[in-house]
Amino acid sequence: MRHAIALLVLLANSGVDAAEVTATFVDGKLGARVDALPFPAGLPKELTSGLTNRLYARVSVADARATLGQKVVEIAIRYDLWDQTFSVVSTLDGTIADSRTLANLPEVNALLSALPLPHLFEVATLPPTDLTLRVEVLLNPIDREKMQMIRKWVAQNSMPEVAGRQGITVSNAIFNRIFEQYADGSNVAAAWRAAATSRPFRIAPEK
C-alpha cells in the first residue's frame, strides 16, 4: 500500500512533454520506437525499490479514415536487490516477446529513453497509404477496485493537525485527477501517462 500511495504523489509532478514516435520495420512486421518519454523525476527511485514497475504501451496504427489495428505491450521491470541487476520482460498478447537482464540503472534509462516496441503488426495486412502510429503509455496503472481501497485507506489514516503533529494527507486534487481517467468508463488509471503520434509514413511495396 505504501508503494501505491507513493505513485499517487508522483502524479502531482508528472508533466507531459512531447515524445517522438518512429515506425520500425523488422522481419515483415511494423513496430514503433518512442524517444524522449518524459518519465517522472522519481522513477529511478521507484525502479530500484525492489518492487515490480509496469509500463503499458497501447500502440494504434491508423490511416486518415480509421484505426486499422491496436496492440498492447506490457513491460515489467524488477530490480533484484540481491544480484543488483534489472529484469525486463516484455509481453505481447499474453506471450513473452522479450526478456533481458540489464546490469545497472543507466542501462535501464537507456532502454526507456528509446523504448522499443517491435513486431506489432503484419506489414502485408496494411494498405499502401499514409499511416500513423499513436502510442499511449501508462506507468503502474491502478485498477478501479484498488483505487477505492487506497482512497478508503487514506481516509482512515488521515487526521487533522493536532498539537502541531501532522497526519497523513493526500491532496484531493490528486485523487480527482486519477478519477477523471475513469470518466470514460475505463477500469484503470495511472500515476503517470503520456501519448505521442508519429509523422505520416508509407510502407514501400516489396521489389
C-alpha atoms as a PDB file:
ATOM      1  CA  MET A   1       0.000   0.000   0.000  1.00  0.00           C
ATOM      2  CA  ARG A   2       2.873   2.408   0.711  1.00  0.00           C
ATOM      3  CA  HIS A   3       4.092   1.875  -2.850  1.00  0.00           C
ATOM      4  CA  ALA A   4       0.663   2.723  -4.249  1.00  0.00           C
ATOM      5  CA  ILE A   5       0.488   5.946  -2.236  1.00  0.00           C
ATOM      6  CA  ALA A   6       3.941   6.927  -3.486  1.00  0.00           C
ATOM      7  CA  LEU A   7       2.720   6.515  -7.054  1.00  0.00           C
ATOM      8  CA  LEU A   8      -0.145   8.888  -6.354  1.00  0.00           C
ATOM      9  CA  VAL A   9       2.290  11.504  -5.132  1.00  0.00           C
ATOM     10  CA  LEU A  10       4.301  11.092  -8.343  1.00  0.00           C
ATOM     11  CA  LEU A  11       1.249  12.272 -10.248  1.00  0.00           C
ATOM     12  CA  ALA A  12       1.489  15.760  -8.833  1.00  0.00           C
ATOM     13  CA  ASN A  13       4.727  16.372 -10.719  1.00  0.00           C
ATOM     14  CA  SER A  14       4.044  14.344 -13.853  1.00  0.00           C
ATOM     15  CA  GLY A  15       4.112  16.998 -16.543  1.00  0.00           C
ATOM     16  CA  VAL A  16       3.956  15.570 -20.040  1.00  0.00           C
ATOM     17  CA  ASP A  17       6.201  16.971 -22.755  1.00  0.00           C
ATOM     18  CA  ALA A  18       6.347  15.860 -26.361  1.00  0.00           C
ATOM     19  CA  ALA A  19       7.811  12.443 -27.081  1.00  0.00           C
ATOM     20  CA  GLU A  20       8.684  11.211 -30.566  1.00  0.00           C
ATOM     21  CA  VAL A  21       7.352   8.059 -32.220  1.00  0.00           C
ATOM     22  CA  THR A  22       9.221   6.410 -35.095  1.00  0.00           C
ATOM     23  CA  ALA A  23       7.982   3.482 -37.172  1.00  0.00           C
ATOM     24  CA  THR A  24      10.248   0.427 -37.331  1.00  0.00           C
ATOM     25  CA  PHE A  25      10.200  -2.476 -39.811  1.00  0.00           C
ATOM     26  CA  VAL A  26      11.720  -5.829 -38.867  1.00  0.00           C
ATOM     27  CA  ASP A  27      11.027  -9.228 -40.425  1.00  0.00           C
ATOM     28  CA  GLY A  28       7.898  -8.084 -42.213  1.00  0.00           C
ATOM     29  CA  LYS A  29       6.370  -6.501 -39.128  1.00  0.00           C
ATOM     30  CA  LEU A  30       5.658  -2.910 -38.223  1.00  0.00           C
ATOM     31  CA  GLY A  31       6.660  -1.683 -34.779  1.00  0.00           C
ATOM     32  CA  ALA A  32       7.448   1.551 -33.005  1.00  0.00           C
ATOM     33  CA  ARG A  33      10.197   3.254 -31.061  1.00  0.00           C
ATOM     34  CA  VAL A  34       9.350   6.008 -28.607  1.00  0.00           C
ATOM     35  CA  ASP A  35      12.090   8.526 -27.860  1.00  0.00           C
ATOM     36  CA  ALA A  36      12.241  11.064 -25.046  1.00  0.00           C
ATOM     37  CA  LEU A  37       9.273   9.966 -22.952  1.00  0.00           C
ATOM     38  CA  PRO A  38       9.069  12.475 -20.062  1.00  0.00           C
ATOM     39  CA  PHE A  39       9.051   9.987 -17.200  1.00  0.00           C
ATOM     40  CA  PRO A  40       8.519  11.298 -13.638  1.00  0.00           C
ATOM     41  CA  ALA A  41      11.637  12.530 -11.853  1.00  0.00           C
ATOM     42  CA  GLY A  42      11.041   9.986  -9.100  1.00  0.00           C
ATOM     43  CA  LEU A  43      11.051   6.974 -11.419  1.00  0.00           C
ATOM     44  CA  PRO A  44      14.714   5.951 -10.809  1.00  0.00           C
ATOM     45  CA  LYS A  45      13.982   5.613  -7.093  1.00  0.00           C
ATOM     46  CA  GLU A  46      10.903   3.512  -7.858  1.00  0.00           C
ATOM     47  CA  LEU A  47      12.903   1.296 -10.220  1.00  0.00           C
ATOM     48  CA  THR A  48      15.445   0.447  -7.524  1.00  0.00           C
ATOM     49  CA  SER A  49      12.833  -0.254  -4.830  1.00  0.00           C
ATOM     50  CA  GLY A  50      12.762  -3.992  -5.476  1.00  0.00           C
ATOM     51  CA  LEU A  51       9.087  -3.815  -6.459  1.00  0.00           C
ATOM     52  CA  THR A  52       7.948  -4.547  -9.997  1.00  0.00           C
ATOM     53  CA  ASN A  53       7.210  -1.452 -12.063  1.00  0.00           C
ATOM     54  CA  ARG A  54       4.983  -1.912 -15.101  1.00  0.00           C
ATOM     55  CA  LEU A  55       4.694   0.090 -18.290  1.00  0.00           C
ATOM     56  CA  TYR A  56       1.724  -0.483 -20.566  1.00  0.00           C
ATOM     57  CA  ALA A  57       2.056   0.806 -24.125  1.00  0.00           C
ATOM     58  CA  ARG A  58      -1.027   0.809 -26.343  1.00  0.00           C
ATOM     59  CA  VAL A  59       0.014   1.188 -29.974  1.00  0.00           C
ATOM     60  CA  SER A  60      -2.519   2.013 -32.686  1.00  0.00           C
ATOM     61  CA  VAL A  61      -1.892   2.102 -36.430  1.00  0.00           C
ATOM     62  CA  ALA A  62      -4.315   4.223 -38.453  1.00  0.00           C
ATOM     63  CA  ASP A  63      -4.889   5.829 -41.815  1.00  0.00           C
ATOM     64  CA  ALA A  64      -6.842   9.005 -42.479  1.00  0.00           C
ATOM     65  CA  ARG A  65     -10.174   7.220 -42.064  1.00  0.00           C
ATOM     66  CA  ALA A  66      -9.917   4.691 -39.262  1.00  0.00           C
ATOM     67  CA  THR A  67      -7.799   2.743 -36.791  1.00  0.00           C
ATOM     68  CA  LEU A  68      -6.503  -0.354 -38.577  1.00  0.00           C
ATOM     69  CA  GLY A  69      -5.031  -2.224 -35.635  1.00  0.00           C
ATOM     70  CA  GLN A  70      -4.127  -1.963 -31.985  1.00  0.00           C
ATOM     71  CA  LYS A  71      -1.739  -3.825 -29.709  1.00  0.00           C
ATOM     72  CA  VAL A  72      -0.870  -3.552 -26.010  1.00  0.00           C
ATOM     73  CA  VAL A  73       2.634  -4.263 -24.744  1.00  0.00           C
ATOM     74  CA  GLU A  74       3.377  -4.764 -21.044  1.00  0.00           C
ATOM     75  CA  ILE A  75       6.938  -4.102 -19.888  1.00  0.00           C
ATOM     76  CA  ALA A  76       7.695  -5.310 -16.368  1.00  0.00           C
ATOM     77  CA  ILE A  77      10.879  -4.035 -14.708  1.00  0.00           C
ATOM     78  CA  ARG A  78      12.108  -5.513 -11.442  1.00  0.00           C
ATOM     79  CA  TYR A  79      15.311  -4.786  -9.545  1.00  0.00           C
ATOM     80  CA  ASP A  80      16.899  -7.781  -7.840  1.00  0.00           C
ATOM     81  CA  LEU A  81      18.149  -6.432  -4.521  1.00  0.00           C
ATOM     82  CA  TRP A  82      20.476  -9.399  -4.108  1.00  0.00           C
ATOM     83  CA  ASP A  83      22.064  -9.546  -7.568  1.00  0.00           C
ATOM     84  CA  GLN A  84      21.667  -5.803  -8.136  1.00  0.00           C
ATOM     85  CA  THR A  85      20.519  -6.337 -11.708  1.00  0.00           C
ATOM     86  CA  PHE A  86      17.289  -5.471 -13.502  1.00  0.00           C
ATOM     87  CA  SER A  87      14.946  -7.978 -15.106  1.00  0.00           C
ATOM     88  CA  VAL A  88      12.983  -6.519 -18.037  1.00  0.00           C
ATOM     89  CA  VAL A  89      10.201  -8.656 -19.518  1.00  0.00           C
ATOM     90  CA  SER A  90       8.013  -7.526 -22.423  1.00  0.00           C
ATOM     91  CA  THR A  91       4.704  -9.276 -23.048  1.00  0.00           C
ATOM     92  CA  LEU A  92       2.537  -9.011 -26.175  1.00  0.00           C
ATOM     93  CA  ASP A  93      -0.889 -10.654 -26.404  1.00  0.00           C
ATOM     94  CA  GLY A  94      -0.167 -12.661 -23.253  1.00  0.00           C
ATOM     95  CA  THR A  95       3.071 -14.093 -24.654  1.00  0.00           C
ATOM     96  CA  ILE A  96       6.579 -13.110 -23.586  1.00  0.00           C
ATOM     97  CA  ALA A  97       8.081 -11.265 -26.537  1.00  0.00           C
ATOM     98  CA  ASP A  98      11.396 -10.285 -24.972  1.00  0.00           C
ATOM     99  CA  SER A  99      13.247 -10.976 -21.728  1.00  0.00           C
ATOM    100  CA  ARG A 100      16.565  -9.457 -20.776  1.00  0.00           C
ATOM    101  CA  THR A 101      18.748  -8.686 -17.784  1.00  0.00           C
ATOM    102  CA  LEU A 102      20.287  -5.237 -17.513  1.00  0.00           C
ATOM    103  CA  ALA A 103      23.328  -4.633 -15.371  1.00  0.00           C
ATOM    104  CA  ASN A 104      22.543  -1.228 -13.914  1.00  0.00           C
ATOM    105  CA  LEU A 105      20.196   1.742 -13.831  1.00  0.00           C
ATOM    106  CA  PRO A 106      21.938   3.622 -16.703  1.00  0.00           C
ATOM    107  CA  GLU A 107      21.183   0.646 -18.971  1.00  0.00           C
ATOM    108  CA  VAL A 108      17.527   0.753 -17.915  1.00  0.00           C
ATOM    109  CA  ASN A 109      17.424   4.501 -18.544  1.00  0.00           C
ATOM    110  CA  ALA A 110      18.940   3.976 -21.997  1.00  0.00           C
ATOM    111  CA  LEU A 111      16.258   1.404 -22.819  1.00  0.00           C
ATOM    112  CA  LEU A 112      13.440   3.657 -21.623  1.00  0.00           C
ATOM    113  CA  SER A 113      14.813   6.718 -23.416  1.00  0.00           C
ATOM    114  CA  ALA A 114      14.400   4.916 -26.759  1.00  0.00           C
ATOM    115  CA  LEU A 115      11.631   2.498 -25.848  1.00  0.00           C
ATOM    116  CA  PRO A 116      11.420  -0.346 -28.394  1.00  0.00           C
ATOM    117  CA  LEU A 117       8.006  -1.771 -29.291  1.00  0.00           C
ATOM    118  CA  PRO A 118       8.795  -4.086 -32.224  1.00  0.00           C
ATOM    119  CA  HIS A 119       6.930  -6.767 -34.187  1.00  0.00           C
ATOM    120  CA  LEU A 120       3.400  -5.461 -33.628  1.00  0.00           C
ATOM    121  CA  PHE A 121       1.582  -5.515 -36.975  1.00  0.00           C
ATOM    122  CA  GLU A 122       1.941  -7.623 -40.115  1.00  0.00           C
ATOM    123  CA  VAL A 123       3.107  -5.275 -42.859  1.00  0.00           C
ATOM    124  CA  ALA A 124       1.325  -7.359 -45.522  1.00  0.00           C
ATOM    125  CA  THR A 125      -2.072  -6.559 -43.983  1.00  0.00           C
ATOM    126  CA  LEU A 126      -1.607  -2.766 -44.114  1.00  0.00           C
ATOM    127  CA  PRO A 127      -2.596  -0.570 -47.071  1.00  0.00           C
ATOM    128  CA  PRO A 128      -0.038   1.439 -49.119  1.00  0.00           C
ATOM    129  CA  THR A 129      -1.476   4.754 -47.895  1.00  0.00           C
ATOM    130  CA  ASP A 130      -0.356   7.349 -45.381  1.00  0.00           C
ATOM    131  CA  LEU A 131      -0.279   5.752 -41.930  1.00  0.00           C
ATOM    132  CA  THR A 132       0.429   6.969 -38.409  1.00  0.00           C
ATOM    133  CA  LEU A 133       1.336   5.226 -35.184  1.00  0.00           C
ATOM    134  CA  ARG A 134      -0.060   6.503 -31.890  1.00  0.00           C
ATOM    135  CA  VAL A 135       1.489   5.287 -28.667  1.00  0.00           C
ATOM    136  CA  GLU A 136      -0.133   5.770 -25.256  1.00  0.00           C
ATOM    137  CA  VAL A 137       1.982   4.796 -22.261  1.00  0.00           C
ATOM    138  CA  LEU A 138       0.799   4.181 -18.692  1.00  0.00           C
ATOM    139  CA  LEU A 139       3.085   3.725 -15.696  1.00  0.00           C
ATOM    140  CA  ASN A 140       1.922   1.393 -12.909  1.00  0.00           C
ATOM    141  CA  PRO A 141      -1.798   1.555 -13.730  1.00  0.00           C
ATOM    142  CA  ILE A 142      -4.222   1.240 -10.835  1.00  0.00           C
ATOM    143  CA  ASP A 143      -7.495  -0.624 -11.322  1.00  0.00           C
ATOM    144  CA  ARG A 144     -10.757   0.794 -10.031  1.00  0.00           C
ATOM    145  CA  GLU A 145     -11.034  -1.641  -7.102  1.00  0.00           C
ATOM    146  CA  LYS A 146      -7.504  -0.895  -5.888  1.00  0.00           C
ATOM    147  CA  MET A 147      -8.116   2.834  -6.223  1.00  0.00           C
ATOM    148  CA  GLN A 148     -11.175   2.545  -3.983  1.00  0.00           C
ATOM    149  CA  MET A 149      -9.113   0.609  -1.431  1.00  0.00           C
ATOM    150  CA  ILE A 150      -6.426   3.297  -1.476  1.00  0.00           C
ATOM    151  CA  ARG A 151      -8.963   6.052  -1.008  1.00  0.00           C
ATOM    152  CA  LYS A 152     -10.513   4.189   1.941  1.00  0.00           C
ATOM    153  CA  TRP A 153      -7.059   3.623   3.471  1.00  0.00           C
ATOM    154  CA  VAL A 154      -6.171   7.310   3.165  1.00  0.00           C
ATOM    155  CA  ALA A 155      -9.482   8.346   4.706  1.00  0.00           C
ATOM    156  CA  GLN A 156      -8.947   6.027   7.662  1.00  0.00           C
ATOM    157  CA  ASN A 157      -5.354   7.129   8.219  1.00  0.00           C
ATOM    158  CA  SER A 158      -5.754  10.854   7.637  1.00  0.00           C
ATOM    159  CA  MET A 159      -6.377  13.206  10.504  1.00  0.00           C
ATOM    160  CA  PRO A 160      -6.309  16.944  11.118  1.00  0.00           C
ATOM    161  CA  GLU A 161      -3.237  18.553  12.579  1.00  0.00           C
ATOM    162  CA  VAL A 162      -3.353  18.139  16.350  1.00  0.00           C
ATOM    163  CA  ALA A 163      -0.938  19.804  18.755  1.00  0.00           C
ATOM    164  CA  GLY A 164       1.475  20.561  15.949  1.00  0.00           C
ATOM    165  CA  ARG A 165       1.504  16.965  14.639  1.00  0.00           C
ATOM    166  CA  GLN A 166       0.547  16.470  11.017  1.00  0.00           C
ATOM    167  CA  GLY A 167      -1.379  13.360   9.981  1.00  0.00           C
ATOM    168  CA  ILE A 168      -1.144  11.636   6.622  1.00  0.00           C
ATOM    169  CA  THR A 169      -2.705  13.810   3.924  1.00  0.00           C
ATOM    170  CA  VAL A 170      -3.066  13.304   0.199  1.00  0.00           C
ATOM    171  CA  SER A 171      -4.448  16.163  -1.837  1.00  0.00           C
ATOM    172  CA  ASN A 172      -7.968  15.648  -3.118  1.00  0.00           C
ATOM    173  CA  ALA A 173      -6.767  17.193  -6.362  1.00  0.00           C
ATOM    174  CA  ILE A 174      -4.531  14.160  -6.947  1.00  0.00           C
ATOM    175  CA  PHE A 175      -7.448  11.785  -6.417  1.00  0.00           C
ATOM    176  CA  ASN A 176      -9.645  13.892  -8.656  1.00  0.00           C
ATOM    177  CA  ARG A 177      -7.109  13.763 -11.475  1.00  0.00           C
ATOM    178  CA  ILE A 178      -6.935   9.975 -11.241  1.00  0.00           C
ATOM    179  CA  PHE A 179     -10.692   9.521 -11.007  1.00  0.00           C
ATOM    180  CA  GLU A 180     -11.132  11.754 -14.059  1.00  0.00           C
ATOM    181  CA  GLN A 181      -9.495   8.933 -16.010  1.00  0.00           C
ATOM    182  CA  TYR A 182     -12.465   6.734 -15.084  1.00  0.00           C
ATOM    183  CA  ALA A 183     -14.958   9.181 -16.612  1.00  0.00           C
ATOM    184  CA  ASP A 184     -14.898   7.426 -19.990  1.00  0.00           C
ATOM    185  CA  GLY A 185     -15.762   4.062 -18.415  1.00  0.00           C
ATOM    186  CA  SER A 186     -12.181   2.850 -18.192  1.00  0.00           C
ATOM    187  CA  ASN A 187     -11.377   0.467 -15.357  1.00  0.00           C
ATOM    188  CA  VAL A 188      -7.782   1.614 -14.930  1.00  0.00           C
ATOM    189  CA  ALA A 189      -5.996   4.853 -14.187  1.00  0.00           C
ATOM    190  CA  ALA A 190      -2.307   5.568 -13.873  1.00  0.00           C
ATOM    191  CA  ALA A 191       0.005   7.676 -11.764  1.00  0.00           C
ATOM    192  CA  TRP A 192       1.648   8.869 -14.991  1.00  0.00           C
ATOM    193  CA  ARG A 193       0.725   8.676 -18.632  1.00  0.00           C
ATOM    194  CA  ALA A 194       1.892  10.102 -21.932  1.00  0.00           C
ATOM    195  CA  ALA A 195       0.914   9.870 -25.575  1.00  0.00           C
ATOM    196  CA  ALA A 196       2.548  10.690 -28.891  1.00  0.00           C
ATOM    197  CA  THR A 197       1.846  10.187 -32.577  1.00  0.00           C
ATOM    198  CA  SER A 198       4.303   9.560 -35.383  1.00  0.00           C
ATOM    199  CA  ARG A 199       4.597  11.571 -38.537  1.00  0.00           C
ATOM    200  CA  PRO A 200       2.716  10.063 -41.504  1.00  0.00           C
ATOM    201  CA  PHE A 201       4.607   7.325 -43.315  1.00  0.00           C
ATOM    202  CA  ARG A 202       4.048   4.789 -46.071  1.00  0.00           C
ATOM    203  CA  ILE A 203       5.025   1.179 -46.371  1.00  0.00           C
ATOM    204  CA  ALA A 204       7.083   0.765 -49.500  1.00  0.00           C
ATOM    205  CA  PRO A 205       5.998  -2.171 -51.696  1.00  0.00           C
ATOM    206  CA  GLU A 206       8.406  -5.079 -51.939  1.00  0.00           C
ATOM    207  CA  LYS A 207      10.520  -5.170 -55.094  1.00  0.00           C
END
